[in-house]
Amino acid sequence: MARPISGFGGNAFYPTPFAKAAALMESVIQRHAFVDGNKRTGLLAAVFLLEEEGYEVRASQQQLADVAVDVADHNLDVEGLARWLEEHAAQIYWS
């Protein structure tokens, strides 16, 4: 769970909110933290992290399911997932 905030020598390994969310999502999904629900939990954790950073993920349920399966199948790495999240996110403007 600490992976998104990890770094060395004052440099963050995952400097953007999208990279942080991708690292968290990949860790939960691929390291099987739970007996069941790893893809759902990893996806929701990433979405929550982005919302806390002021972004909303805008994708269909099918797109979200597909990206979670791609991560589980090792077809999408952290960099690719971060790009996907950034492409499917919009900044939340508070009034």
Protein backbone atom coordinates (compact mmCIF):
# COMPACT_ATOMS: atom_id res chain seq x y z
CA MET A 1 0.00 0.00 0.00
CA ALA A 2 2.99 2.31 0.44
CA ARG A 3 4.21 1.80 -3.12
CA PRO A 4 2.56 4.96 -4.52
CA ILE A 5 4.45 7.18 -2.07
CA SER A 6 7.79 5.39 -2.32
CA GLY A 7 10.97 7.06 -3.51
CA PHE A 8 14.69 7.40 -2.97
CA GLY A 9 16.99 10.36 -2.42
CA GLY A 10 14.14 12.82 -2.34
CA ASN A 11 12.78 11.62 -5.70
CA ALA A 12 9.37 9.99 -5.93
CA PHE A 13 9.20 6.79 -7.95
CA TYR A 14 5.64 7.73 -8.96
CA PRO A 15 5.56 11.53 -9.24
CA THR A 16 2.10 12.10 -10.74
CA PRO A 17 -1.32 11.23 -9.32
CA PHE A 18 -1.84 8.90 -12.29
CA ALA A 19 1.42 7.05 -11.68
CA LYS A 20 0.56 6.73 -7.98
CA ALA A 21 -2.90 5.37 -8.78
CA ALA A 22 -1.45 2.96 -11.36
CA ALA A 23 1.16 1.65 -8.91
CA LEU A 24 -1.50 1.10 -6.25
CA MET A 25 -3.88 -0.60 -8.67
CA GLU A 26 -1.20 -2.89 -10.07
CA SER A 27 0.01 -3.86 -6.60
CA VAL A 28 -3.42 -4.81 -5.31
CA ILE A 29 -4.42 -6.68 -8.46
CA GLN A 30 -1.21 -8.57 -9.21
CA ARG A 31 -0.13 -9.38 -5.66
CA HIS A 32 -3.49 -10.92 -4.72
CA ALA A 33 -4.00 -9.23 -1.39
CA PHE A 34 -7.39 -10.95 -1.06
CA VAL A 35 -8.87 -14.35 -1.85
CA ASP A 36 -11.44 -12.65 -4.10
CA GLY A 37 -12.08 -9.13 -5.33
CA ASN A 38 -8.54 -8.02 -6.11
CA LYS A 39 -9.44 -6.42 -9.45
CA ARG A 40 -12.43 -4.59 -7.98
CA THR A 41 -10.47 -3.44 -4.94
CA GLY A 42 -7.45 -2.33 -6.98
CA LEU A 43 -9.62 -0.40 -9.40
CA LEU A 44 -11.62 1.31 -6.64
CA ALA A 45 -8.44 2.16 -4.73
CA ALA A 46 -7.00 3.84 -7.84
CA VAL A 47 -10.23 5.74 -8.51
CA PHE A 48 -10.39 6.87 -4.87
CA LEU A 49 -6.75 8.04 -4.91
CA LEU A 50 -7.41 10.07 -8.06
CA GLU A 51 -10.57 11.58 -6.57
CA GLU A 52 -8.56 12.63 -3.51
CA GLU A 53 -6.15 14.34 -5.93
CA GLY A 54 -9.01 16.16 -7.69
CA TYR A 55 -9.64 13.89 -10.68
CA GLU A 56 -12.65 11.89 -11.78
CA VAL A 57 -12.25 8.74 -13.88
CA ARG A 58 -14.64 8.79 -16.81
CA ALA A 59 -14.95 5.37 -18.39
CA SER A 60 -17.69 2.84 -18.97
CA GLN A 61 -18.08 -0.16 -16.72
CA GLN A 62 -16.82 -2.32 -19.58
CA GLN A 63 -13.71 -0.16 -20.05
CA LEU A 64 -12.99 -0.35 -16.32
CA ALA A 65 -13.44 -4.13 -16.30
CA ASP A 66 -11.20 -4.50 -19.36
CA VAL A 67 -8.38 -2.42 -17.90
CA ALA A 68 -8.50 -4.36 -14.63
CA VAL A 69 -8.27 -7.65 -16.53
CA ASP A 70 -5.38 -6.28 -18.62
CA VAL A 71 -3.51 -5.46 -15.41
CA ALA A 72 -4.28 -8.90 -13.93
CA ASP A 73 -3.06 -10.60 -17.12
CA HIS A 74 0.17 -8.52 -17.12
CA ASN A 75 -0.81 -6.95 -20.46
CA LEU A 76 -0.55 -3.43 -19.03
CA ASP A 77 2.37 -2.15 -16.95
CA VAL A 78 2.38 0.79 -14.53
CA GLU A 79 3.40 3.30 -17.20
CA GLY A 80 0.71 2.14 -19.61
CA LEU A 81 -1.88 2.08 -16.87
CA ALA A 82 -0.91 5.60 -15.76
CA ARG A 83 -1.39 6.80 -19.35
CA TRP A 84 -4.77 5.06 -19.53
CA LEU A 85 -5.90 6.64 -16.27
CA GLU A 86 -4.77 10.09 -17.39
CA GLU A 87 -6.59 9.70 -20.72
CA HIS A 88 -9.79 8.71 -18.88
CA ALA A 89 -9.67 11.32 -16.13
CA ALA A 90 -11.03 14.82 -15.86
CA GLN A 91 -10.10 17.38 -13.26
CA ILE A 92 -12.84 18.07 -10.74
CA TYR A 93 -13.60 21.73 -10.32
CA TRP A 94 -15.03 22.64 -6.96
CA SER A 95 -17.34 25.62 -6.79
